[in-house]
C-alpha atoms as a PDB file:
ATOM      1  CA  UNK A   1       7.263   3.764  44.211  1.00  0.00           C
ATOM      2  CA  UNK A   2       4.113   4.584  46.219  1.00  0.00           C
ATOM      3  CA  UNK A   3       0.991   5.972  44.578  1.00  0.00           C
ATOM      4  CA  UNK A   4       0.404   9.625  45.501  1.00  0.00           C
ATOM      5  CA  UNK A   5      -3.355  10.244  45.260  1.00  0.00           C
ATOM      6  CA  UNK A   6      -2.972  14.003  45.710  1.00  0.00           C
ATOM      7  CA  UNK A   7      -0.382  14.362  42.934  1.00  0.00           C
ATOM      8  CA  UNK A   8      -2.476  12.211  40.609  1.00  0.00           C
ATOM      9  CA  UNK A   9      -5.737  13.988  41.370  1.00  0.00           C
ATOM     10  CA  UNK A  10      -5.945  16.058  38.140  1.00  0.00           C
ATOM     11  CA  UNK A  11      -5.341  12.974  35.976  1.00  0.00           C
ATOM     12  CA  UNK A  12      -7.885  10.990  37.968  1.00  0.00           C
ATOM     13  CA  UNK A  13     -10.333  13.859  37.610  1.00  0.00           C
ATOM     14  CA  UNK A  14      -9.871  13.886  33.827  1.00  0.00           C
ATOM     15  CA  UNK A  15     -10.399  10.137  33.749  1.00  0.00           C
ATOM     16  CA  UNK A  16     -13.601  10.402  35.755  1.00  0.00           C
ATOM     17  CA  UNK A  17     -14.868  13.195  33.506  1.00  0.00           C
ATOM     18  CA  UNK A  18     -14.184  11.079  30.432  1.00  0.00           C
ATOM     19  CA  UNK A  19     -15.973   8.075  31.919  1.00  0.00           C
ATOM     20  CA  UNK A  20     -18.927  10.252  32.894  1.00  0.00           C
ATOM     21  CA  UNK A  21     -19.192  11.711  29.386  1.00  0.00           C
ATOM     22  CA  UNK A  22     -18.973   8.237  27.864  1.00  0.00           C
ATOM     23  CA  UNK A  23     -21.693   6.944  30.204  1.00  0.00           C
ATOM     24  CA  UNK A  24     -23.910   9.930  29.355  1.00  0.00           C
ATOM     25  CA  UNK A  25     -23.596   9.294  25.612  1.00  0.00           C
ATOM     26  CA  UNK A  26     -24.398   5.593  26.067  1.00  0.00           C
ATOM     27  CA  UNK A  27     -27.413   6.494  28.213  1.00  0.00           C
ATOM     28  CA  UNK A  28     -28.698   8.910  25.544  1.00  0.00           C
ATOM     29  CA  UNK A  29     -28.306   6.287  22.822  1.00  0.00           C
ATOM     30  CA  UNK A  30     -30.117   3.622  24.870  1.00  0.00           C
ATOM     31  CA  UNK A  31     -32.886   6.083  25.689  1.00  0.00           C
ATOM     32  CA  UNK A  32     -33.293   7.055  22.046  1.00  0.00           C
ATOM     33  CA  UNK A  33     -33.462   3.432  20.916  1.00  0.00           C
ATOM     34  CA  UNK A  34     -36.591   2.893  23.035  1.00  0.00           C
ATOM     35  CA  UNK A  35     -38.458   6.025  21.963  1.00  0.00           C
ATOM     36  CA  UNK A  36     -39.612   5.501  18.373  1.00  0.00           C
ATOM     37  CA  UNK A  37     -38.178   5.990  14.854  1.00  0.00           C
ATOM     38  CA  UNK A  38     -37.315   9.671  15.277  1.00  0.00           C
ATOM     39  CA  UNK A  39     -35.303   8.970  18.393  1.00  0.00           C
ATOM     40  CA  UNK A  40     -33.651   6.043  16.662  1.00  0.00           C
ATOM     41  CA  UNK A  41     -32.441   8.344  13.907  1.00  0.00           C
ATOM     42  CA  UNK A  42     -30.999  10.590  16.583  1.00  0.00           C
ATOM     43  CA  UNK A  43     -29.286   7.567  18.104  1.00  0.00           C
ATOM     44  CA  UNK A  44     -27.812   6.701  14.705  1.00  0.00           C
ATOM     45  CA  UNK A  45     -26.424  10.219  14.398  1.00  0.00           C
ATOM     46  CA  UNK A  46     -24.935   9.952  17.876  1.00  0.00           C
ATOM     47  CA  UNK A  47     -23.274   6.676  16.928  1.00  0.00           C
ATOM     48  CA  UNK A  48     -21.866   8.192  13.719  1.00  0.00           C
ATOM     49  CA  UNK A  49     -20.754  11.436  15.363  1.00  0.00           C
ATOM     50  CA  UNK A  50     -17.375  10.190  16.739  1.00  0.00           C
ATOM     51  CA  UNK A  51     -16.396   8.633  13.388  1.00  0.00           C
ATOM     52  CA  UNK A  52     -17.469  11.751  11.474  1.00  0.00           C
ATOM     53  CA  UNK A  53     -15.526  13.934  13.896  1.00  0.00           C
ATOM     54  CA  UNK A  54     -12.378  11.831  13.497  1.00  0.00           C
ATOM     55  CA  UNK A  55     -12.730  11.856   9.701  1.00  0.00           C
ATOM     56  CA  UNK A  56     -13.132  15.628   9.713  1.00  0.00           C
ATOM     57  CA  UNK A  57     -10.210  16.305  12.032  1.00  0.00           C
ATOM     58  CA  UNK A  58      -7.902  13.600  10.706  1.00  0.00           C
ATOM     59  CA  UNK A  59      -8.697  13.599   6.983  1.00  0.00           C
ATOM     60  CA  UNK A  60     -10.854  16.435   5.671  1.00  0.00           C
ATOM     61  CA  UNK A  61      -9.163  19.389   7.383  1.00  0.00           C
ATOM     62  CA  UNK A  62      -5.589  18.199   6.649  1.00  0.00           C
ATOM     63  CA  UNK A  63      -6.628  17.543   3.054  1.00  0.00           C
ATOM     64  CA  UNK A  64      -7.967  21.068   2.644  1.00  0.00           C
ATOM     65  CA  UNK A  65      -4.858  22.450   4.334  1.00  0.00           C
ATOM     66  CA  UNK A  66      -2.633  20.513   1.924  1.00  0.00           C
ATOM     67  CA  UNK A  67      -4.619  21.789  -1.053  1.00  0.00           C
ATOM     68  CA  UNK A  68      -4.195  25.361   0.190  1.00  0.00           C
ATOM     69  CA  UNK A  69      -0.460  24.860   0.759  1.00  0.00           C
ATOM     70  CA  UNK A  70      -0.017  23.605  -2.812  1.00  0.00           C
ATOM     71  CA  UNK A  71      -0.666  27.165  -4.031  1.00  0.00           C
ATOM     72  CA  UNK A  72       2.002  28.751  -1.811  1.00  0.00           C
ATOM     73  CA  UNK A  73       5.757  29.249  -1.990  1.00  0.00           C
ATOM     74  CA  UNK A  74       8.655  30.176   0.318  1.00  0.00           C
ATOM     75  CA  UNK A  75       7.728  27.570   2.907  1.00  0.00           C
ATOM     76  CA  UNK A  76       4.050  28.440   2.781  1.00  0.00           C
ATOM     77  CA  UNK A  77       4.591  32.161   3.369  1.00  0.00           C
ATOM     78  CA  UNK A  78       3.716  33.610  -0.068  1.00  0.00           C
ATOM     79  CA  UNK A  79       1.075  32.994  -2.719  1.00  0.00           C
ATOM     80  CA  UNK A  80       2.474  31.119  -5.716  1.00  0.00           C
ATOM     81  CA  UNK A  81      -0.650  30.339  -7.723  1.00  0.00           C
ATOM     82  CA  UNK A  82      -0.095  27.437 -10.115  1.00  0.00           C
ATOM     83  CA  UNK A  83       3.714  27.679 -10.034  1.00  0.00           C
ATOM     84  CA  UNK A  84       4.101  24.465  -8.034  1.00  0.00           C
ATOM     85  CA  UNK A  85       1.962  22.526 -10.490  1.00  0.00           C
ATOM     86  CA  UNK A  86       3.905  23.973 -13.439  1.00  0.00           C
ATOM     87  CA  UNK A  87       7.146  22.950 -11.695  1.00  0.00           C
ATOM     88  CA  UNK A  88       5.784  19.439 -11.139  1.00  0.00           C
ATOM     89  CA  UNK A  89       5.307  18.855 -14.883  1.00  0.00           C
ATOM     90  CA  UNK A  90       8.450  20.630 -16.096  1.00  0.00           C
ATOM     91  CA  UNK A  91      11.180  19.795 -13.558  1.00  0.00           C
ATOM     92  CA  UNK A  92      13.310  16.777 -14.525  1.00  0.00           C
ATOM     93  CA  UNK A  93      13.420  15.302 -11.031  1.00  0.00           C
ATOM     94  CA  UNK A  94       9.651  15.577 -10.579  1.00  0.00           C
ATOM     95  CA  UNK A  95       9.024  14.054 -14.003  1.00  0.00           C
ATOM     96  CA  UNK A  96      11.344  11.143 -13.177  1.00  0.00           C
ATOM     97  CA  UNK A  97       9.417  10.560  -9.945  1.00  0.00           C
ATOM     98  CA  UNK A  98       6.124  10.612 -11.862  1.00  0.00           C
ATOM     99  CA  UNK A  99       7.469   8.221 -14.507  1.00  0.00           C
ATOM    100  CA  UNK A 100       8.777   5.830 -11.867  1.00  0.00           C
ATOM    101  CA  UNK A 101       5.500   5.931  -9.922  1.00  0.00           C
ATOM    102  CA  UNK A 102       3.515   5.029 -13.023  1.00  0.00           C
ATOM    103  CA  UNK A 103       5.967   2.209 -13.773  1.00  0.00           C
ATOM    104  CA  UNK A 104       5.566   0.908 -10.219  1.00  0.00           C
ATOM    105  CA  UNK A 105       1.761   1.170 -10.449  1.00  0.00           C
ATOM    106  CA  UNK A 106       1.749  -0.982 -13.597  1.00  0.00           C
ATOM    107  CA  UNK A 107       4.517  -3.494 -12.911  1.00  0.00           C
ATOM    108  CA  UNK A 108       4.109  -4.225  -9.194  1.00  0.00           C
ATOM    109  CA  UNK A 109       0.385  -5.163  -9.219  1.00  0.00           C
ATOM    110  CA  UNK A 110       0.808  -7.135 -12.449  1.00  0.00           C
ATOM    111  CA  UNK A 111       3.875  -9.063 -11.280  1.00  0.00           C
ATOM    112  CA  UNK A 112       2.590  -9.615  -7.721  1.00  0.00           C
ATOM    113  CA  UNK A 113      -0.771 -10.876  -8.955  1.00  0.00           C
ATOM    114  CA  UNK A 114       0.825 -13.098 -11.601  1.00  0.00           C
ATOM    115  CA  UNK A 115       3.231 -14.666  -9.091  1.00  0.00           C
ATOM    116  CA  UNK A 116       0.438 -15.058  -6.536  1.00  0.00           C
ATOM    117  CA  UNK A 117      -1.863 -16.619  -9.126  1.00  0.00           C
ATOM    118  CA  UNK A 118       0.727 -19.175 -10.232  1.00  0.00           C
ATOM    119  CA  UNK A 119       1.521 -20.029  -6.640  1.00  0.00           C
ATOM    120  CA  UNK A 120      -2.166 -20.299  -5.743  1.00  0.00           C
ATOM    121  CA  UNK A 121      -2.835 -22.576  -8.706  1.00  0.00           C
ATOM    122  CA  UNK A 122       0.012 -24.839  -7.600  1.00  0.00           C
ATOM    123  CA  UNK A 123      -0.987 -25.171  -3.925  1.00  0.00           C
ATOM    124  CA  UNK A 124      -4.784 -24.699  -3.925  1.00  0.00           C
ATOM    125  CA  UNK A 125      -5.545 -28.443  -4.043  1.00  0.00           C
ATOM    126  CA  UNK A 126      -2.358 -29.599  -2.340  1.00  0.00           C
ATOM    127  CA  UNK A 127      -2.221 -31.356   1.024  1.00  0.00           C
ATOM    128  CA  UNK A 128       0.606 -29.000   1.975  1.00  0.00           C
ATOM    129  CA  UNK A 129      -1.427 -25.880   1.240  1.00  0.00           C
ATOM    130  CA  UNK A 130      -1.196 -24.422   4.759  1.00  0.00           C
ATOM    131  CA  UNK A 131       2.625 -24.574   5.157  1.00  0.00           C
ATOM    132  CA  UNK A 132       3.072 -23.462   1.543  1.00  0.00           C
ATOM    133  CA  UNK A 133       0.932 -20.362   2.107  1.00  0.00           C
ATOM    134  CA  UNK A 134       2.646 -19.686   5.416  1.00  0.00           C
ATOM    135  CA  UNK A 135       5.975 -19.731   3.588  1.00  0.00           C
ATOM    136  CA  UNK A 136       4.920 -17.238   0.935  1.00  0.00           C
ATOM    137  CA  UNK A 137       3.307 -15.011   3.567  1.00  0.00           C
ATOM    138  CA  UNK A 138       6.497 -14.702   5.632  1.00  0.00           C
ATOM    139  CA  UNK A 139       7.796 -11.605   3.768  1.00  0.00           C
ATOM    140  CA  UNK A 140       4.577  -9.788   4.689  1.00  0.00           C
ATOM    141  CA  UNK A 141       5.567 -10.114   8.356  1.00  0.00           C
ATOM    142  CA  UNK A 142       8.551  -7.863   7.594  1.00  0.00           C
ATOM    143  CA  UNK A 143       8.073  -4.126   7.339  1.00  0.00           C
ATOM    144  CA  UNK A 144       8.890  -2.415   4.062  1.00  0.00           C
ATOM    145  CA  UNK A 145      11.945  -0.917   5.740  1.00  0.00           C
ATOM    146  CA  UNK A 146      13.095  -4.391   6.770  1.00  0.00           C
ATOM    147  CA  UNK A 147      12.460  -5.714   3.269  1.00  0.00           C
ATOM    148  CA  UNK A 148      14.474  -2.831   1.831  1.00  0.00           C
ATOM    149  CA  UNK A 149      17.398  -3.640   4.123  1.00  0.00           C
ATOM    150  CA  UNK A 150      17.257  -7.337   3.177  1.00  0.00           C
ATOM    151  CA  UNK A 151      17.279  -6.621  -0.557  1.00  0.00           C
ATOM    152  CA  UNK A 152      19.919  -3.929  -0.214  1.00  0.00           C
ATOM    153  CA  UNK A 153      22.219  -6.650   1.097  1.00  0.00           C
ATOM    154  CA  UNK A 154      21.168  -8.920  -1.783  1.00  0.00           C
ATOM    155  CA  UNK A 155      22.240  -6.223  -4.266  1.00  0.00           C
ATOM    156  CA  UNK A 156      25.305  -5.068  -2.280  1.00  0.00           C
ATOM    157  CA  UNK A 157      28.352  -4.244  -4.414  1.00  0.00           C
ATOM    158  CA  UNK A 158      32.069  -4.293  -3.707  1.00  0.00           C
ATOM    159  CA  UNK A 159      34.990  -3.771  -6.088  1.00  0.00           C
ATOM    160  CA  UNK A 160      36.112  -6.919  -7.964  1.00  0.00           C
ATOM    161  CA  UNK A 161      39.265  -7.241  -5.849  1.00  0.00           C
ATOM    162  CA  UNK A 162      37.226  -7.272  -2.620  1.00  0.00           C
ATOM    163  CA  UNK A 163      35.105 -10.125  -1.349  1.00  0.00           C
ATOM    164  CA  UNK A 164      31.442  -9.789  -2.297  1.00  0.00           C
ATOM    165  CA  UNK A 165      28.842  -9.718   0.481  1.00  0.00           C
ATOM    166  CA  UNK A 166      25.839  -9.305  -1.807  1.00  0.00           C
ATOM    167  CA  UNK A 167      24.146 -12.566  -2.731  1.00  0.00           C
ATOM    168  CA  UNK A 168      23.533 -11.587  -6.358  1.00  0.00           C
ATOM    169  CA  UNK A 169      27.086 -10.394  -6.984  1.00  0.00           C
ATOM    170  CA  UNK A 170      28.498 -13.428  -5.191  1.00  0.00           C
ATOM    171  CA  UNK A 171      26.587 -15.700  -7.575  1.00  0.00           C
ATOM    172  CA  UNK A 172      27.704 -13.602 -10.533  1.00  0.00           C
ATOM    173  CA  UNK A 173      31.369 -13.831  -9.502  1.00  0.00           C
ATOM    174  CA  UNK A 174      31.061 -17.577  -8.866  1.00  0.00           C
ATOM    175  CA  UNK A 175      29.823 -17.992 -12.445  1.00  0.00           C
ATOM    176  CA  UNK A 176      32.832 -16.091 -13.783  1.00  0.00           C
ATOM    177  CA  UNK A 177      31.241 -12.682 -14.210  1.00  0.00           C
ATOM    178  CA  UNK A 178      32.114  -9.256 -12.813  1.00  0.00           C
ATOM    179  CA  UNK A 179      30.145  -7.698  -9.951  1.00  0.00           C
ATOM    180  CA  UNK A 180      27.640  -5.005 -10.878  1.00  0.00           C
ATOM    181  CA  UNK A 181      26.194  -1.992  -9.089  1.00  0.00           C
ATOM    182  CA  UNK A 182      22.599  -3.115  -9.438  1.00  0.00           C
ATOM    183  CA  UNK A 183      21.046  -0.095  -7.715  1.00  0.00           C
ATOM    184  CA  UNK A 184      23.048   2.535  -9.620  1.00  0.00           C
ATOM    185  CA  UNK A 185      22.442   1.774 -13.287  1.00  0.00           C
ATOM    186  CA  UNK A 186      19.251   3.510 -14.477  1.00  0.00           C
ATOM    187  CA  UNK A 187      16.613   2.539 -15.562  1.00  0.00           C
ATOM    188  CA  UNK A 188      17.269  -1.091 -14.602  1.00  0.00           C
ATOM    189  CA  UNK A 189      17.613  -0.160 -10.925  1.00  0.00           C
ATOM    190  CA  UNK A 190      13.862   0.572 -10.904  1.00  0.00           C
ATOM    191  CA  UNK A 191      13.202  -3.062 -11.784  1.00  0.00           C
ATOM    192  CA  UNK A 192      15.439  -4.254  -8.953  1.00  0.00           C
ATOM    193  CA  UNK A 193      13.516  -2.103  -6.480  1.00  0.00           C
ATOM    194  CA  UNK A 194      10.254  -3.446  -7.867  1.00  0.00           C
ATOM    195  CA  UNK A 195      11.465  -7.009  -7.237  1.00  0.00           C
ATOM    196  CA  UNK A 196      11.722  -6.198  -3.528  1.00  0.00           C
ATOM    197  CA  UNK A 197       8.164  -4.852  -3.531  1.00  0.00           C
ATOM    198  CA  UNK A 198       6.822  -7.888  -5.386  1.00  0.00           C
ATOM    199  CA  UNK A 199       8.586 -10.160  -2.874  1.00  0.00           C
ATOM    200  CA  UNK A 200       6.618  -8.569  -0.039  1.00  0.00           C
ATOM    201  CA  UNK A 201       3.245  -8.439  -1.825  1.00  0.00           C
ATOM    202  CA  UNK A 202       2.990 -11.738  -3.718  1.00  0.00           C
ATOM    203  CA  UNK A 203       1.906 -13.573  -0.550  1.00  0.00           C
ATOM    204  CA  UNK A 204      -1.140 -11.342  -0.163  1.00  0.00           C
ATOM    205  CA  UNK A 205      -2.234 -12.162  -3.709  1.00  0.00           C
ATOM    206  CA  UNK A 206      -1.506 -15.878  -3.268  1.00  0.00           C
ATOM    207  CA  UNK A 207      -3.663 -16.211  -0.140  1.00  0.00           C
ATOM    208  CA  UNK A 208      -6.678 -14.423  -1.621  1.00  0.00           C
ATOM    209  CA  UNK A 209      -6.448 -16.240  -4.933  1.00  0.00           C
ATOM    210  CA  UNK A 210      -6.024 -19.618  -3.253  1.00  0.00           C
ATOM    211  CA  UNK A 211      -9.295 -19.069  -1.427  1.00  0.00           C
ATOM    212  CA  UNK A 212     -10.971 -17.993  -4.657  1.00  0.00           C
ATOM    213  CA  UNK A 213      -9.724 -21.061  -6.562  1.00  0.00           C
ATOM    214  CA  UNK A 214     -10.902 -23.399  -3.820  1.00  0.00           C
ATOM    215  CA  UNK A 215     -14.332 -21.746  -3.941  1.00  0.00           C
ATOM    216  CA  UNK A 216     -14.777 -22.561  -7.645  1.00  0.00           C
ATOM    217  CA  UNK A 217     -17.435 -25.330  -7.954  1.00  0.00           C
ATOM    218  CA  UNK A 218     -16.027 -28.695  -8.966  1.00  0.00           C
ATOM    219  CA  UNK A 219     -18.848 -29.485 -11.406  1.00  0.00           C
ATOM    220  CA  UNK A 220     -17.733 -27.178 -14.266  1.00  0.00           C
ATOM    221  CA  UNK A 221     -14.132 -28.290 -13.838  1.00  0.00           C
ATOM    222  CA  UNK A 222     -15.013 -31.982 -13.891  1.00  0.00           C
ATOM    223  CA  UNK A 223     -17.326 -31.503 -16.881  1.00  0.00           C
ATOM    224  CA  UNK A 224     -14.546 -29.756 -18.819  1.00  0.00           C
ATOM    225  CA  UNK A 225     -12.109 -32.572 -18.024  1.00  0.00           C
ATOM    226  CA  UNK A 226     -14.650 -35.168 -19.164  1.00  0.00           C
ATOM    227  CA  UNK A 227     -15.028 -33.255 -22.425  1.00  0.00           C
ATOM    228  CA  UNK A 228     -11.314 -33.704 -23.059  1.00  0.00           C
ATOM    229  CA  UNK A 229      -9.981 -30.325 -21.936  1.00  0.00           C
ATOM    230  CA  UNK A 230      -6.425 -30.254 -20.604  1.00  0.00           C
ATOM    231  CA  UNK A 231      -5.705 -28.901 -17.092  1.00  0.00           C
ATOM    232  CA  UNK A 232      -4.275 -25.738 -18.671  1.00  0.00           C
ATOM    233  CA  UNK A 233      -7.441 -25.205 -20.712  1.00  0.00           C
ATOM    234  CA  UNK A 234      -9.614 -25.822 -17.653  1.00  0.00           C
ATOM    235  CA  UNK A 235      -7.643 -23.241 -15.705  1.00  0.00           C
ATOM    236  CA  UNK A 236      -7.831 -20.691 -18.512  1.00  0.00           C
ATOM    237  CA  UNK A 237     -11.477 -21.110 -19.525  1.00  0.00           C
ATOM    238  CA  UNK A 238     -13.143 -22.201 -16.260  1.00  0.00           C
ATOM    239  CA  UNK A 239     -11.070 -21.185 -13.241  1.00  0.00           C
ATOM    240  CA  UNK A 240      -9.880 -17.748 -14.381  1.00  0.00           C
ATOM    241  CA  UNK A 241     -13.357 -16.441 -15.325  1.00  0.00           C
ATOM    242  CA  UNK A 242     -14.699 -17.714 -11.993  1.00  0.00           C
ATOM    243  CA  UNK A 243     -12.087 -15.864  -9.916  1.00  0.00           C
ATOM    244  CA  UNK A 244     -12.101 -12.652 -11.992  1.00  0.00           C
ATOM    245  CA  UNK A 245     -13.698 -10.513  -9.225  1.00  0.00           C
ATOM    246  CA  UNK A 246     -11.003 -11.579  -6.752  1.00  0.00           C
ATOM    247  CA  UNK A 247      -8.297 -10.912  -9.329  1.00  0.00           C
ATOM    248  CA  UNK A 248      -9.629  -7.394  -9.799  1.00  0.00           C
ATOM    249  CA  UNK A 249      -9.716  -6.752  -6.054  1.00  0.00           C
ATOM    250  CA  UNK A 250      -6.126  -7.947  -5.697  1.00  0.00           C
ATOM    251  CA  UNK A 251      -4.936  -5.788  -8.607  1.00  0.00           C
ATOM    252  CA  UNK A 252      -6.671  -2.668  -7.276  1.00  0.00           C
ATOM    253  CA  UNK A 253      -5.425  -3.176  -3.729  1.00  0.00           C
ATOM    254  CA  UNK A 254      -1.877  -3.688  -4.980  1.00  0.00           C
ATOM    255  CA  UNK A 255      -2.092  -0.598  -7.208  1.00  0.00           C
ATOM    256  CA  UNK A 256      -3.301   1.619  -4.350  1.00  0.00           C
ATOM    257  CA  UNK A 257      -0.514   0.405  -2.068  1.00  0.00           C
ATOM    258  CA  UNK A 258       2.111   0.776  -4.784  1.00  0.00           C
ATOM    259  CA  UNK A 259       1.219   4.382  -5.587  1.00  0.00           C
ATOM    260  CA  UNK A 260       2.116   5.232  -1.984  1.00  0.00           C
ATOM    261  CA  UNK A 261       5.458   3.376  -2.118  1.00  0.00           C
ATOM    262  CA  UNK A 262       8.072   5.160  -0.015  1.00  0.00           C
ATOM    263  CA  UNK A 263       9.887   2.890   2.450  1.00  0.00           C
ATOM    264  CA  UNK A 264      11.683   0.612  -0.002  1.00  0.00           C
ATOM    265  CA  UNK A 265      12.956   3.524  -2.106  1.00  0.00           C
ATOM    266  CA  UNK A 266      14.050   5.457   0.979  1.00  0.00           C
ATOM    267  CA  UNK A 267      15.859   2.460   2.452  1.00  0.00           C
ATOM    268  CA  UNK A 268      17.566   1.104  -0.656  1.00  0.00           C
ATOM    269  CA  UNK A 269      18.561   4.174  -2.686  1.00  0.00           C
ATOM    270  CA  UNK A 270      17.266   7.273  -0.909  1.00  0.00           C
ATOM    271  CA  UNK A 271      15.754   8.346  -4.225  1.00  0.00           C
ATOM    272  CA  UNK A 272      19.181   8.654  -5.883  1.00  0.00           C
ATOM    273  CA  UNK A 273      20.155   7.416  -9.349  1.00  0.00           C
ATOM    274  CA  UNK A 274      16.741   8.357 -10.821  1.00  0.00           C
ATOM    275  CA  UNK A 275      14.824   5.989  -8.529  1.00  0.00           C
ATOM    276  CA  UNK A 276      12.595   8.547  -6.806  1.00  0.00           C
ATOM    277  CA  UNK A 277       8.810   8.122  -6.677  1.00  0.00           C
ATOM    278  CA  UNK A 278       6.103  10.667  -5.917  1.00  0.00           C
ATOM    279  CA  UNK A 279       5.784   9.826  -2.224  1.00  0.00           C
ATOM    280  CA  UNK A 280       9.542  10.047  -1.707  1.00  0.00           C
ATOM    281  CA  UNK A 281       9.857  13.246  -3.726  1.00  0.00           C
ATOM    282  CA  UNK A 282       6.986  14.732  -1.717  1.00  0.00           C
ATOM    283  CA  UNK A 283       8.895  13.947   1.491  1.00  0.00           C
ATOM    284  CA  UNK A 284      12.124  15.428   0.163  1.00  0.00           C
ATOM    285  CA  UNK A 285      10.539  18.652  -1.069  1.00  0.00           C
ATOM    286  CA  UNK A 286       8.502  19.255   2.076  1.00  0.00           C
ATOM    287  CA  UNK A 287      10.911  18.139   4.809  1.00  0.00           C
ATOM    288  CA  UNK A 288      14.430  18.161   3.358  1.00  0.00           C
ATOM    289  CA  UNK A 289      14.301  21.241   1.162  1.00  0.00           C
ATOM    290  CA  UNK A 290      11.582  23.196   2.985  1.00  0.00           C
ATOM    291  CA  UNK A 291       9.473  23.525  -0.190  1.00  0.00           C
ATOM    292  CA  UNK A 292       6.140  22.766   1.461  1.00  0.00           C
ATOM    293  CA  UNK A 293       4.188  24.110  -1.511  1.00  0.00           C
ATOM    294  CA  UNK A 294       5.851  21.696  -3.908  1.00  0.00           C
ATOM    295  CA  UNK A 295       5.461  18.838  -1.457  1.00  0.00           C
ATOM    296  CA  UNK A 296       1.772  19.658  -1.077  1.00  0.00           C
ATOM    297  CA  UNK A 297       1.308  19.795  -4.855  1.00  0.00           C
ATOM    298  CA  UNK A 298       2.864  16.334  -5.162  1.00  0.00           C
ATOM    299  CA  UNK A 299       0.551  15.108  -2.407  1.00  0.00           C
ATOM    300  CA  UNK A 300      -2.470  16.464  -4.311  1.00  0.00           C
ATOM    301  CA  UNK A 301      -1.302  14.695  -7.479  1.00  0.00           C
ATOM    302  CA  UNK A 302      -0.835  11.461  -5.540  1.00  0.00           C
ATOM    303  CA  UNK A 303      -4.354  11.802  -4.133  1.00  0.00           C
ATOM    304  CA  UNK A 304      -5.761  12.310  -7.641  1.00  0.00           C
ATOM    305  CA  UNK A 305      -3.949   9.205  -8.894  1.00  0.00           C
ATOM    306  CA  UNK A 306      -5.278   7.039  -6.046  1.00  0.00           C
ATOM    307  CA  UNK A 307      -8.880   8.327  -6.211  1.00  0.00           C
ATOM    308  CA  UNK A 308     -10.015   6.395  -9.348  1.00  0.00           C
ATOM    309  CA  UNK A 309      -8.861   3.093  -7.857  1.00  0.00           C
ATOM    310  CA  UNK A 310     -10.643   3.766  -4.570  1.00  0.00           C
ATOM    311  CA  UNK A 311     -13.817   4.879  -6.370  1.00  0.00           C
ATOM    312  CA  UNK A 312     -13.820   1.714  -8.461  1.00  0.00           C
ATOM    313  CA  UNK A 313     -13.462  -0.439  -5.351  1.00  0.00           C
ATOM    314  CA  UNK A 314     -16.342   1.374  -3.645  1.00  0.00           C
ATOM    315  CA  UNK A 315     -18.606   0.887  -6.683  1.00  0.00           C
ATOM    316  CA  UNK A 316     -17.640  -2.788  -6.945  1.00  0.00           C
ATOM    317  CA  UNK A 317     -18.472  -3.378  -3.281  1.00  0.00           C
ATOM    318  CA  UNK A 318     -21.827  -1.658  -3.664  1.00  0.00           C
ATOM    319  CA  UNK A 319     -22.668  -3.821  -6.669  1.00  0.00           C
ATOM    320  CA  UNK A 320     -21.657  -6.916  -4.744  1.00  0.00           C
ATOM    321  CA  UNK A 321     -23.730  -5.833  -1.760  1.00  0.00           C
END
């Protein structure tokens, strides 16, 4: 296909205008940098302007819009006051989603960090550290949707007279047991969903904690061993206190990611059988049922739950800096 310069002229014109505007901004910044402190402050503002604009358009305005929607009903057409927030703390389905989200926020970071810490302690000083970490990191290369599909097959159920295709039920039948519907029985199905999340996140914790363990000075460890401490005591009383800041970072990062969990629940159960979480319930209310006010109220609650973790991370980084 030949290139038609006439047909493409408007697009080329827009491109040239964009390049000209970009060049003008760069020229203003360079000029300001060579004209004293006042001009340098202006240059700093010019450099920050695009990021501030994107934050305003992409974060602040949608956030304010969501807050306003949380006080409306009938698809955002009427004023509902605090009705959506009252519904959120009185409706059974919403309360189940809140309970499950809190359970996820406690169990997933704790289990992921514990598994990652044990794995890191085992491979930190090993010659096979690199392939071992690559192995545990492999689940992170899979999207949450892919992980949900994988574990849905692991938990797959068929009647006893049919051949089992789920790995867990196949093992259970081979040991003489009866197959179970792992994702149906509440509240244990929450734990089975959490296992899938831990499987994807333990590698992140293992990599960070391995680096932290390797950064611990050898002198305190060797001194403790010379004093007769066992390897377990050295790990508990020397290594763990030394890597405490990294442990906290890992726990907070895992908690923030877990509060926003959506993909695994959507893929494996669709929120059925009392497995819904806040992010999934927010999606259902806003996009499946047309209750944008309720969905917005759930989004506000989710934001309030995440904010303390983010604030703590910001303070910790400032103290470190």
